[in-house]
């Protein structure tokens, strides 16, 4: 089994890199563990207070559960991956049944942040992109997919995303075995990454 961590700022192109890897490998060989699924459950917090949760801070994630799930997959055990609702800022009752596969990808902004989790990874990747490009992608995504105004997205970017990126996400770059510049547009880096995975699996 090959366990890969893929981190990078919001809008850097992580999802595109992951999709390119998955599409280049035989069907059924990859299982994806999105870091977003492992936000701590906030159902016990009053609804009005949930709006103040900083989802870009390491404290927002249930690292113990994610690390335990990675260990279980490595041991050949099935897991029940939690599901999370952005609308209610809480875990949903439903889980996703995940079985071990040859490749496990942990993907998220802070995927390389936690040392215990990093120690379980065979390959650590940081997807890098120009801050202006990331902001444009975040605006496009949040306006189209999440119904926010461009003004609200930019305000949140300046207040939360940018300082959290500088404080927690960017420093994770030093833990990476491979840095992918230009995010999902870097076909060569993605091909090199895929070749490494295929070689390891063979």
N, C-alpha and C. Protein backbone atom coordinates (compact mmCIF):
# COMPACT_ATOMS: atom_id res chain seq x y z
N UNK A 1 0.84 -1.21 0.00
CA UNK A 1 0.00 0.00 0.00
C UNK A 1 0.87 1.25 0.00
N UNK A 2 0.45 2.23 -0.79
CA UNK A 2 1.16 3.50 -0.87
C UNK A 2 0.25 4.58 -0.31
N UNK A 3 0.69 5.26 0.75
CA UNK A 3 -0.10 6.32 1.37
C UNK A 3 0.50 7.67 1.00
N UNK A 4 -0.31 8.50 0.34
CA UNK A 4 0.16 9.78 -0.20
C UNK A 4 -0.62 10.93 0.43
N UNK A 5 0.09 11.94 0.88
CA UNK A 5 -0.55 13.16 1.38
C UNK A 5 -0.40 14.26 0.35
N UNK A 6 -1.50 14.93 0.02
CA UNK A 6 -1.46 16.02 -0.95
C UNK A 6 -2.06 17.26 -0.31
N UNK A 7 -1.19 18.25 -0.04
CA UNK A 7 -1.61 19.49 0.61
C UNK A 7 -1.42 20.67 -0.33
N UNK A 8 -1.86 21.84 0.13
CA UNK A 8 -1.73 23.06 -0.67
C UNK A 8 -2.85 24.01 -0.33
N UNK A 9 -2.67 25.27 -0.67
CA UNK A 9 -3.65 26.28 -0.33
C UNK A 9 -4.98 26.10 -1.02
N UNK A 10 -6.00 26.76 -0.48
CA UNK A 10 -7.32 26.75 -1.10
C UNK A 10 -7.22 27.32 -2.52
N UNK A 11 -7.74 26.57 -3.49
CA UNK A 11 -7.70 27.03 -4.87
C UNK A 11 -6.38 26.78 -5.58
N UNK A 12 -5.51 25.95 -4.98
CA UNK A 12 -4.19 25.71 -5.59
C UNK A 12 -4.23 24.68 -6.72
N UNK A 13 -5.28 23.88 -6.77
CA UNK A 13 -5.38 22.86 -7.81
C UNK A 13 -5.18 21.44 -7.31
N UNK A 14 -5.31 21.25 -5.97
CA UNK A 14 -5.13 19.91 -5.39
C UNK A 14 -6.10 18.90 -5.99
N UNK A 15 -7.35 19.31 -6.09
CA UNK A 15 -8.38 18.40 -6.60
C UNK A 15 -8.07 17.96 -8.03
N UNK A 16 -7.57 18.88 -8.84
CA UNK A 16 -7.21 18.55 -10.23
C UNK A 16 -6.06 17.56 -10.26
N UNK A 17 -5.05 17.78 -9.42
CA UNK A 17 -3.91 16.86 -9.36
C UNK A 17 -4.38 15.46 -8.96
N UNK A 18 -5.23 15.41 -7.93
CA UNK A 18 -5.75 14.11 -7.47
C UNK A 18 -6.54 13.43 -8.58
N UNK A 19 -7.40 14.21 -9.26
CA UNK A 19 -8.21 13.63 -10.33
C UNK A 19 -7.33 13.07 -11.45
N UNK A 20 -6.28 13.79 -11.80
CA UNK A 20 -5.37 13.33 -12.85
C UNK A 20 -4.68 12.02 -12.45
N UNK A 21 -4.31 11.91 -11.17
CA UNK A 21 -3.68 10.68 -10.68
C UNK A 21 -4.66 9.52 -10.76
N UNK A 22 -5.86 9.74 -10.24
CA UNK A 22 -6.88 8.68 -10.21
C UNK A 22 -7.20 8.20 -11.62
N UNK A 23 -7.34 9.15 -12.56
CA UNK A 23 -7.70 8.79 -13.93
C UNK A 23 -6.58 8.04 -14.66
N UNK A 24 -5.35 8.22 -14.21
CA UNK A 24 -4.23 7.58 -14.90
C UNK A 24 -3.92 6.19 -14.36
N UNK A 25 -4.56 5.81 -13.25
CA UNK A 25 -4.35 4.49 -12.65
C UNK A 25 -5.53 3.58 -12.95
N UNK A 26 -5.33 2.26 -12.89
CA UNK A 26 -6.44 1.33 -13.13
C UNK A 26 -7.58 1.58 -12.16
N UNK A 27 -8.82 1.40 -12.61
CA UNK A 27 -9.99 1.62 -11.74
C UNK A 27 -9.93 0.77 -10.48
N UNK A 28 -10.32 1.38 -9.36
CA UNK A 28 -10.41 0.64 -8.11
C UNK A 28 -9.12 0.52 -7.33
N UNK A 29 -8.05 1.19 -7.80
CA UNK A 29 -6.77 1.06 -7.09
C UNK A 29 -6.53 2.19 -6.09
N UNK A 30 -7.36 3.23 -6.16
CA UNK A 30 -7.13 4.41 -5.32
C UNK A 30 -8.33 4.66 -4.41
N UNK A 31 -8.06 4.97 -3.16
CA UNK A 31 -9.11 5.42 -2.25
C UNK A 31 -8.71 6.82 -1.77
N UNK A 32 -9.69 7.72 -1.74
CA UNK A 32 -9.42 9.11 -1.37
C UNK A 32 -10.00 9.42 0.00
N UNK A 33 -9.16 9.99 0.86
CA UNK A 33 -9.61 10.45 2.18
C UNK A 33 -9.52 11.98 2.19
N UNK A 34 -10.63 12.68 1.91
CA UNK A 34 -10.59 14.15 1.93
C UNK A 34 -10.50 14.64 3.37
N UNK A 35 -9.57 15.54 3.61
CA UNK A 35 -9.40 16.10 4.95
C UNK A 35 -10.70 16.76 5.43
N UNK A 36 -11.46 17.33 4.49
CA UNK A 36 -12.72 18.01 4.84
C UNK A 36 -13.72 17.08 5.52
N UNK A 37 -13.61 15.78 5.27
CA UNK A 37 -14.53 14.83 5.91
C UNK A 37 -14.22 14.66 7.39
N UNK A 38 -13.04 15.12 7.80
CA UNK A 38 -12.59 14.89 9.18
C UNK A 38 -12.59 16.16 10.03
N UNK A 39 -13.47 17.11 9.66
CA UNK A 39 -13.67 18.24 10.57
C UNK A 39 -14.29 17.71 11.87
N UNK A 40 -13.93 18.33 12.98
CA UNK A 40 -14.52 17.93 14.26
C UNK A 40 -16.02 18.19 14.23
N UNK A 41 -16.76 17.33 14.90
CA UNK A 41 -18.20 17.51 14.98
C UNK A 41 -18.52 18.71 15.87
N UNK A 42 -19.33 19.62 15.34
CA UNK A 42 -19.69 20.82 16.11
C UNK A 42 -21.16 20.86 16.46
N UNK A 43 -21.82 19.71 16.43
CA UNK A 43 -23.27 19.68 16.68
C UNK A 43 -23.62 20.11 18.11
N UNK A 44 -22.63 20.02 19.02
CA UNK A 44 -22.89 20.41 20.41
C UNK A 44 -22.75 21.92 20.61
N UNK A 45 -22.22 22.61 19.59
CA UNK A 45 -22.02 24.06 19.68
C UNK A 45 -23.28 24.77 19.19
N UNK A 46 -23.77 25.79 19.91
CA UNK A 46 -24.95 26.53 19.45
C UNK A 46 -24.78 27.03 18.01
N UNK A 47 -25.87 26.99 17.24
CA UNK A 47 -25.81 27.28 15.81
C UNK A 47 -25.16 28.63 15.50
N UNK A 48 -25.50 29.65 16.30
CA UNK A 48 -24.95 30.98 16.01
C UNK A 48 -23.44 31.04 16.23
N UNK A 49 -22.94 30.18 17.13
CA UNK A 49 -21.50 30.17 17.41
C UNK A 49 -20.72 29.39 16.34
N UNK A 50 -21.40 28.49 15.65
CA UNK A 50 -20.71 27.69 14.62
C UNK A 50 -20.19 28.56 13.48
N UNK A 51 -20.84 29.72 13.30
CA UNK A 51 -20.41 30.61 12.21
C UNK A 51 -19.00 31.14 12.46
N UNK A 52 -18.55 31.06 13.70
CA UNK A 52 -17.23 31.61 14.06
C UNK A 52 -16.11 30.57 13.96
N UNK A 53 -16.44 29.33 13.59
CA UNK A 53 -15.42 28.29 13.51
C UNK A 53 -14.46 28.60 12.38
N UNK A 54 -13.18 28.52 12.67
CA UNK A 54 -12.15 28.76 11.64
C UNK A 54 -11.77 27.42 11.01
N UNK A 55 -12.32 27.15 9.83
CA UNK A 55 -12.12 25.86 9.18
C UNK A 55 -10.74 25.74 8.52
N UNK A 56 -9.94 26.80 8.59
CA UNK A 56 -8.60 26.75 8.01
C UNK A 56 -7.52 26.64 9.08
N UNK A 57 -7.95 26.37 10.31
CA UNK A 57 -7.02 26.22 11.43
C UNK A 57 -6.87 24.72 11.74
N UNK A 58 -5.66 24.28 12.08
CA UNK A 58 -5.45 22.85 12.39
C UNK A 58 -6.39 22.31 13.48
N UNK A 59 -6.78 23.17 14.41
CA UNK A 59 -7.65 22.72 15.52
C UNK A 59 -9.05 22.32 15.06
N UNK A 60 -9.39 22.64 13.82
CA UNK A 60 -10.74 22.32 13.32
C UNK A 60 -10.86 20.84 12.94
N UNK A 61 -9.72 20.14 12.86
CA UNK A 61 -9.74 18.77 12.33
C UNK A 61 -9.58 17.71 13.43
N UNK A 62 -10.19 16.56 13.19
CA UNK A 62 -10.10 15.41 14.09
C UNK A 62 -8.92 14.55 13.63
N UNK A 63 -7.72 14.98 14.00
CA UNK A 63 -6.50 14.30 13.54
C UNK A 63 -6.42 12.87 14.07
N UNK A 64 -6.87 12.66 15.30
CA UNK A 64 -6.78 11.33 15.90
C UNK A 64 -7.59 10.31 15.09
N UNK A 65 -8.81 10.69 14.69
CA UNK A 65 -9.65 9.77 13.94
C UNK A 65 -9.06 9.49 12.56
N UNK A 66 -8.58 10.53 11.89
CA UNK A 66 -8.00 10.34 10.56
C UNK A 66 -6.76 9.45 10.62
N UNK A 67 -5.90 9.70 11.60
CA UNK A 67 -4.69 8.90 11.75
C UNK A 67 -5.04 7.44 12.05
N UNK A 68 -6.06 7.24 12.90
CA UNK A 68 -6.52 5.89 13.21
C UNK A 68 -7.04 5.19 11.95
N UNK A 69 -7.80 5.91 11.14
CA UNK A 69 -8.35 5.32 9.91
C UNK A 69 -7.25 4.94 8.92
N UNK A 70 -6.23 5.77 8.82
CA UNK A 70 -5.11 5.45 7.92
C UNK A 70 -4.40 4.19 8.40
N UNK A 71 -4.21 4.08 9.71
CA UNK A 71 -3.57 2.89 10.28
C UNK A 71 -4.40 1.64 10.01
N UNK A 72 -5.72 1.77 10.13
CA UNK A 72 -6.60 0.63 9.89
C UNK A 72 -6.54 0.17 8.43
N UNK A 73 -6.53 1.13 7.52
CA UNK A 73 -6.43 0.78 6.09
C UNK A 73 -5.10 0.07 5.81
N UNK A 74 -4.04 0.57 6.42
CA UNK A 74 -2.72 -0.04 6.25
C UNK A 74 -2.74 -1.49 6.74
N UNK A 75 -3.52 -1.75 7.78
CA UNK A 75 -3.62 -3.11 8.35
C UNK A 75 -4.60 -3.99 7.59
N UNK A 76 -5.21 -3.42 6.52
CA UNK A 76 -6.14 -4.20 5.73
C UNK A 76 -7.56 -4.20 6.25
N UNK A 77 -7.87 -3.25 7.15
CA UNK A 77 -9.22 -3.18 7.73
C UNK A 77 -10.07 -2.12 7.02
N UNK A 78 -11.39 -2.35 6.99
CA UNK A 78 -12.32 -1.37 6.43
C UNK A 78 -12.53 -0.24 7.43
N UNK A 79 -12.92 0.94 6.91
CA UNK A 79 -13.25 2.06 7.79
C UNK A 79 -14.60 2.65 7.39
N UNK A 80 -15.18 3.40 8.31
CA UNK A 80 -16.39 4.17 8.03
C UNK A 80 -16.01 5.65 8.07
N UNK A 81 -15.82 6.22 6.89
CA UNK A 81 -15.38 7.61 6.80
C UNK A 81 -16.54 8.55 7.13
N UNK A 82 -16.30 9.52 8.02
CA UNK A 82 -17.39 10.45 8.37
C UNK A 82 -17.75 11.35 7.19
N UNK A 83 -18.95 11.90 7.24
CA UNK A 83 -19.36 12.91 6.26
C UNK A 83 -19.70 14.17 7.02
N UNK A 84 -19.45 15.31 6.38
CA UNK A 84 -19.58 16.59 7.07
C UNK A 84 -20.45 17.54 6.25
N UNK A 85 -21.29 18.28 6.94
CA UNK A 85 -22.16 19.25 6.28
C UNK A 85 -21.66 20.67 6.53
N UNK A 86 -21.35 21.37 5.44
CA UNK A 86 -20.94 22.78 5.58
C UNK A 86 -22.14 23.64 5.99
N UNK A 87 -23.34 23.19 5.64
CA UNK A 87 -24.54 23.98 5.94
C UNK A 87 -24.80 24.06 7.44
N UNK A 88 -24.60 22.94 8.13
CA UNK A 88 -24.88 22.91 9.57
C UNK A 88 -23.60 22.91 10.42
N UNK A 89 -22.43 22.83 9.74
CA UNK A 89 -21.14 22.77 10.44
C UNK A 89 -21.12 21.62 11.45
N UNK A 90 -21.61 20.47 11.01
CA UNK A 90 -21.62 19.32 11.91
C UNK A 90 -21.53 18.03 11.09
N UNK A 91 -21.17 16.95 11.77
CA UNK A 91 -21.11 15.65 11.11
C UNK A 91 -22.51 15.14 10.84
N UNK A 92 -22.62 14.43 9.73
CA UNK A 92 -23.90 13.81 9.39
C UNK A 92 -23.92 12.38 9.94
N UNK A 93 -25.10 11.81 10.13
CA UNK A 93 -25.18 10.44 10.65
C UNK A 93 -24.61 9.42 9.66
N UNK A 94 -24.69 9.75 8.36
CA UNK A 94 -24.21 8.81 7.34
C UNK A 94 -22.68 8.76 7.31
N UNK A 95 -22.16 7.57 7.02
CA UNK A 95 -20.72 7.42 6.81
C UNK A 95 -20.50 6.79 5.43
N UNK A 96 -19.25 6.84 4.98
CA UNK A 96 -18.89 6.23 3.70
C UNK A 96 -18.03 5.01 3.98
N UNK A 97 -18.47 3.86 3.50
CA UNK A 97 -17.72 2.62 3.71
C UNK A 97 -16.51 2.61 2.79
N UNK A 98 -15.32 2.50 3.38
CA UNK A 98 -14.07 2.52 2.61
C UNK A 98 -13.30 1.23 2.87
N UNK A 99 -12.89 0.59 1.79
CA UNK A 99 -12.08 -0.62 1.90
C UNK A 99 -10.65 -0.32 1.47
N UNK A 100 -9.67 -1.07 1.99
CA UNK A 100 -8.27 -0.82 1.64
C UNK A 100 -8.03 -0.96 0.14
N UNK A 101 -7.17 -0.11 -0.39
CA UNK A 101 -6.77 -0.17 -1.80
C UNK A 101 -5.26 -0.03 -1.88
N UNK A 102 -4.72 -0.20 -3.08
CA UNK A 102 -3.26 -0.13 -3.24
C UNK A 102 -2.73 1.28 -2.96
N UNK A 103 -3.55 2.29 -3.28
CA UNK A 103 -3.13 3.68 -3.07
C UNK A 103 -4.17 4.40 -2.21
N UNK A 104 -3.70 5.03 -1.15
CA UNK A 104 -4.56 5.85 -0.30
C UNK A 104 -4.08 7.30 -0.40
N UNK A 105 -4.97 8.20 -0.83
CA UNK A 105 -4.60 9.61 -0.96
C UNK A 105 -5.34 10.42 0.09
N UNK A 106 -4.58 11.14 0.92
CA UNK A 106 -5.16 12.06 1.91
C UNK A 106 -5.00 13.46 1.33
N UNK A 107 -6.11 14.11 1.04
CA UNK A 107 -6.06 15.39 0.33
C UNK A 107 -6.73 16.49 1.12
N UNK A 108 -6.05 17.62 1.28
CA UNK A 108 -6.64 18.76 1.98
C UNK A 108 -5.61 19.84 2.24
N UNK A 109 -6.09 21.02 2.59
CA UNK A 109 -5.20 22.17 2.75
C UNK A 109 -4.08 21.90 3.76
N UNK A 110 -4.40 21.17 4.82
CA UNK A 110 -3.43 20.95 5.90
C UNK A 110 -3.03 19.47 6.02
N UNK A 111 -3.08 18.76 4.92
CA UNK A 111 -2.81 17.32 4.94
C UNK A 111 -1.41 16.98 5.48
N UNK A 112 -0.48 17.93 5.39
CA UNK A 112 0.89 17.67 5.86
C UNK A 112 1.17 18.35 7.20
N UNK A 113 0.13 18.81 7.87
CA UNK A 113 0.30 19.62 9.08
C UNK A 113 0.59 18.78 10.32
N UNK A 114 -0.08 17.63 10.43
CA UNK A 114 0.01 16.83 11.65
C UNK A 114 1.16 15.82 11.55
N UNK A 115 2.07 15.84 12.53
CA UNK A 115 3.25 14.99 12.47
C UNK A 115 2.92 13.50 12.48
N UNK A 116 2.00 13.08 13.35
CA UNK A 116 1.64 11.67 13.43
C UNK A 116 1.09 11.16 12.10
N UNK A 117 0.29 12.01 11.45
CA UNK A 117 -0.27 11.63 10.16
C UNK A 117 0.83 11.61 9.09
N UNK A 118 1.69 12.63 9.12
CA UNK A 118 2.81 12.69 8.15
C UNK A 118 3.68 11.44 8.23
N UNK A 119 3.90 10.98 9.45
CA UNK A 119 4.78 9.82 9.64
C UNK A 119 4.23 8.55 9.00
N UNK A 120 2.93 8.54 8.72
CA UNK A 120 2.31 7.36 8.10
C UNK A 120 2.34 7.45 6.57
N UNK A 121 2.79 8.58 6.04
CA UNK A 121 2.78 8.78 4.59
C UNK A 121 4.06 8.27 3.94
N UNK A 122 3.90 7.64 2.78
CA UNK A 122 5.06 7.20 1.99
C UNK A 122 5.53 8.30 1.06
N UNK A 123 4.62 9.20 0.71
CA UNK A 123 4.95 10.30 -0.21
C UNK A 123 4.15 11.52 0.19
N UNK A 124 4.85 12.66 0.29
CA UNK A 124 4.19 13.91 0.70
C UNK A 124 4.32 14.93 -0.44
N UNK A 125 3.18 15.47 -0.86
CA UNK A 125 3.14 16.37 -2.01
C UNK A 125 2.52 17.70 -1.59
N UNK A 126 3.11 18.79 -2.08
CA UNK A 126 2.54 20.12 -1.84
C UNK A 126 2.23 20.75 -3.19
N UNK A 127 0.96 21.08 -3.40
CA UNK A 127 0.53 21.71 -4.65
C UNK A 127 0.59 23.22 -4.46
N UNK A 128 1.43 23.87 -5.25
CA UNK A 128 1.69 25.30 -5.08
C UNK A 128 1.05 26.08 -6.23
N UNK A 129 0.64 27.30 -5.95
CA UNK A 129 0.07 28.15 -7.00
C UNK A 129 0.21 29.61 -6.57
N UNK A 130 0.23 30.49 -7.55
CA UNK A 130 0.32 31.92 -7.30
C UNK A 130 -0.88 32.40 -6.46
N UNK A 131 -0.65 33.23 -5.44
CA UNK A 131 -1.75 33.67 -4.57
C UNK A 131 -2.90 34.34 -5.34
N UNK A 132 -2.56 35.14 -6.36
CA UNK A 132 -3.61 35.80 -7.15
C UNK A 132 -4.48 34.77 -7.87
N UNK A 133 -3.83 33.75 -8.42
CA UNK A 133 -4.59 32.71 -9.12
C UNK A 133 -5.47 31.94 -8.15
N UNK A 134 -4.94 31.67 -6.96
CA UNK A 134 -5.75 30.96 -5.97
C UNK A 134 -6.97 31.78 -5.58
N UNK A 135 -6.78 33.10 -5.39
CA UNK A 135 -7.91 33.97 -5.02
C UNK A 135 -8.97 33.96 -6.12
N UNK A 136 -8.55 34.05 -7.37
CA UNK A 136 -9.51 34.03 -8.49
C UNK A 136 -10.30 32.73 -8.48
N UNK A 137 -9.62 31.60 -8.28
CA UNK A 137 -10.31 30.31 -8.26
C UNK A 137 -11.28 30.22 -7.09
N UNK A 138 -10.87 30.74 -5.93
CA UNK A 138 -11.75 30.70 -4.75
C UNK A 138 -12.99 31.54 -5.00
N UNK A 139 -12.82 32.71 -5.60
CA UNK A 139 -13.98 33.57 -5.92
C UNK A 139 -14.91 32.85 -6.87
N UNK A 140 -14.35 32.29 -7.95
CA UNK A 140 -15.18 31.58 -8.93
C UNK A 140 -15.94 30.43 -8.30
N UNK A 141 -15.23 29.64 -7.49
CA UNK A 141 -15.85 28.47 -6.87
C UNK A 141 -16.94 28.86 -5.87
N UNK A 142 -16.63 29.80 -4.98
CA UNK A 142 -17.57 30.14 -3.91
C UNK A 142 -18.80 30.90 -4.44
N UNK A 143 -18.60 31.67 -5.50
CA UNK A 143 -19.74 32.39 -6.08
C UNK A 143 -20.65 31.41 -6.82
N UNK A 144 -20.04 30.51 -7.60
CA UNK A 144 -20.83 29.57 -8.41
C UNK A 144 -21.42 28.44 -7.58
N UNK A 145 -20.59 27.85 -6.69
CA UNK A 145 -21.00 26.62 -6.00
C UNK A 145 -21.61 26.87 -4.62
N UNK A 146 -21.25 27.98 -3.98
CA UNK A 146 -21.68 28.18 -2.60
C UNK A 146 -22.55 29.42 -2.42
N UNK A 147 -22.89 30.07 -3.53
CA UNK A 147 -23.84 31.17 -3.49
C UNK A 147 -23.37 32.42 -2.76
N UNK A 148 -22.05 32.59 -2.64
CA UNK A 148 -21.55 33.77 -1.95
C UNK A 148 -21.31 34.91 -2.95
N UNK A 149 -21.28 36.14 -2.45
CA UNK A 149 -20.94 37.26 -3.31
C UNK A 149 -19.41 37.38 -3.40
N UNK A 150 -18.94 37.99 -4.47
CA UNK A 150 -17.50 38.17 -4.65
C UNK A 150 -16.92 39.00 -3.50
N UNK A 151 -17.69 40.01 -3.05
CA UNK A 151 -17.23 40.86 -1.94
C UNK A 151 -17.05 40.04 -0.66
N UNK A 152 -18.01 39.15 -0.39
CA UNK A 152 -17.93 38.33 0.82
C UNK A 152 -16.75 37.37 0.76
N UNK A 153 -16.49 36.82 -0.42
CA UNK A 153 -15.36 35.89 -0.58
C UNK A 153 -14.04 36.62 -0.36
N UNK A 154 -13.92 37.82 -0.92
CA UNK A 154 -12.67 38.58 -0.76
C UNK A 154 -12.46 39.02 0.68
N UNK A 155 -13.55 39.39 1.35
CA UNK A 155 -13.45 39.76 2.76
C UNK A 155 -12.95 38.59 3.60
N UNK A 156 -13.50 37.40 3.32
CA UNK A 156 -13.09 36.19 4.05
C UNK A 156 -11.65 35.82 3.71
N UNK A 157 -11.27 36.05 2.47
CA UNK A 157 -9.90 35.74 2.05
C UNK A 157 -8.90 36.56 2.86
N UNK A 158 -9.17 37.85 2.97
CA UNK A 158 -8.25 38.75 3.68
C UNK A 158 -8.27 38.45 5.19
N UNK A 159 -9.47 38.16 5.72
CA UNK A 159 -9.62 37.99 7.18
C UNK A 159 -9.16 36.61 7.66
N UNK A 160 -9.42 35.56 6.85
CA UNK A 160 -9.15 34.19 7.32
C UNK A 160 -8.17 33.43 6.43
N UNK A 161 -8.51 33.30 5.15
CA UNK A 161 -7.73 32.41 4.28
C UNK A 161 -6.26 32.81 4.16
N UNK A 162 -6.01 34.09 3.91
CA UNK A 162 -4.63 34.53 3.72
C UNK A 162 -3.78 34.37 4.97
N UNK A 163 -4.24 34.86 6.15
CA UNK A 163 -3.40 34.67 7.35
C UNK A 163 -3.22 33.21 7.74
N UNK A 164 -4.25 32.37 7.57
CA UNK A 164 -4.12 30.95 7.89
C UNK A 164 -3.16 30.26 6.92
N UNK A 165 -3.22 30.68 5.66
CA UNK A 165 -2.30 30.12 4.67
C UNK A 165 -0.85 30.42 5.06
N UNK A 166 -0.61 31.67 5.42
CA UNK A 166 0.76 32.07 5.76
C UNK A 166 1.24 31.42 7.05
N UNK A 167 0.32 31.24 8.00
CA UNK A 167 0.72 30.71 9.31
C UNK A 167 0.85 29.19 9.33
N UNK A 168 -0.05 28.49 8.63
CA UNK A 168 -0.10 27.04 8.77
C UNK A 168 0.14 26.25 7.48
N UNK A 169 -0.40 26.71 6.37
CA UNK A 169 -0.33 25.92 5.13
C UNK A 169 1.03 26.05 4.46
N UNK A 170 1.45 27.28 4.21
CA UNK A 170 2.73 27.52 3.53
C UNK A 170 3.91 26.85 4.24
N UNK A 171 4.00 26.90 5.59
CA UNK A 171 5.13 26.24 6.27
C UNK A 171 5.19 24.73 6.03
N UNK A 172 4.05 24.10 5.69
CA UNK A 172 4.03 22.65 5.44
C UNK A 172 4.83 22.27 4.20
N UNK A 173 5.13 23.26 3.39
CA UNK A 173 5.86 23.00 2.14
C UNK A 173 7.20 22.33 2.43
N UNK A 174 7.78 22.65 3.56
CA UNK A 174 9.11 22.10 3.87
C UNK A 174 9.07 20.60 4.16
N UNK A 175 7.89 20.07 4.42
CA UNK A 175 7.78 18.63 4.68
C UNK A 175 7.57 17.82 3.39
N UNK A 176 7.34 18.51 2.28
CA UNK A 176 6.97 17.82 1.04
C UNK A 176 8.18 17.15 0.38
N UNK A 177 7.93 15.95 -0.15
CA UNK A 177 8.94 15.28 -0.97
C UNK A 177 8.91 15.83 -2.39
N UNK A 178 7.73 16.32 -2.79
CA UNK A 178 7.55 16.85 -4.14
C UNK A 178 6.65 18.07 -4.08
N UNK A 179 7.10 19.16 -4.72
CA UNK A 179 6.28 20.37 -4.82
C UNK A 179 5.82 20.51 -6.27
N UNK A 180 4.53 20.67 -6.45
CA UNK A 180 3.96 20.82 -7.80
C UNK A 180 3.62 22.29 -8.02
N UNK A 181 4.50 23.03 -8.75
CA UNK A 181 4.17 24.43 -9.03
C UNK A 181 3.08 24.52 -10.10
N UNK A 182 2.40 25.64 -10.13
CA UNK A 182 1.33 25.88 -11.11
C UNK A 182 0.14 24.93 -10.93
N UNK A 183 0.06 24.30 -9.77
CA UNK A 183 -1.11 23.49 -9.42
C UNK A 183 -1.49 22.45 -10.45
N UNK A 184 -2.79 22.36 -10.69
CA UNK A 184 -3.33 21.33 -11.57
C UNK A 184 -2.94 21.50 -13.03
N UNK A 185 -2.41 22.66 -13.39
CA UNK A 185 -2.01 22.88 -14.78
C UNK A 185 -0.66 22.26 -15.12
N UNK A 186 0.06 21.79 -14.09
CA UNK A 186 1.40 21.25 -14.32
C UNK A 186 1.31 19.77 -14.69
N UNK A 187 1.15 19.51 -15.97
CA UNK A 187 0.97 18.14 -16.44
C UNK A 187 2.24 17.30 -16.22
N UNK A 188 3.40 17.92 -16.40
CA UNK A 188 4.65 17.16 -16.29
C UNK A 188 4.85 16.67 -14.86
N UNK A 189 4.63 17.56 -13.89
CA UNK A 189 4.78 17.16 -12.48
C UNK A 189 3.79 16.06 -12.12
N UNK A 190 2.57 16.19 -12.65
CA UNK A 190 1.56 15.17 -12.37
C UNK A 190 1.96 13.83 -12.99
N UNK A 191 2.53 13.87 -14.20
CA UNK A 191 2.97 12.64 -14.86
C UNK A 191 4.12 11.99 -14.09
N UNK A 192 5.05 12.81 -13.58
CA UNK A 192 6.17 12.28 -12.78
C UNK A 192 5.61 11.62 -11.52
N UNK A 193 4.65 12.27 -10.89
CA UNK A 193 4.03 11.75 -9.68
C UNK A 193 3.34 10.41 -9.97
N UNK A 194 2.62 10.36 -11.09
CA UNK A 194 1.92 9.14 -11.48
C UNK A 194 2.90 8.01 -11.80
N UNK A 195 4.00 8.37 -12.46
CA UNK A 195 5.03 7.37 -12.79
C UNK A 195 5.62 6.78 -11.52
N UNK A 196 5.86 7.62 -10.52
CA UNK A 196 6.39 7.15 -9.25
C UNK A 196 5.43 6.16 -8.61
N UNK A 197 4.14 6.50 -8.62
CA UNK A 197 3.14 5.63 -8.02
C UNK A 197 3.10 4.29 -8.74
N UNK A 198 3.07 4.32 -10.07
CA UNK A 198 3.01 3.09 -10.85
C UNK A 198 4.23 2.21 -10.61
N UNK A 199 5.42 2.85 -10.53
CA UNK A 199 6.65 2.10 -10.28
C UNK A 199 6.61 1.42 -8.91
N UNK A 200 6.10 2.16 -7.93
CA UNK A 200 6.01 1.62 -6.57
C UNK A 200 5.03 0.45 -6.52
N UNK A 201 3.93 0.58 -7.26
CA UNK A 201 2.93 -0.48 -7.25
C UNK A 201 3.43 -1.73 -7.98
N UNK A 202 4.24 -1.54 -9.02
CA UNK A 202 4.78 -2.67 -9.77
C UNK A 202 5.83 -3.43 -8.96
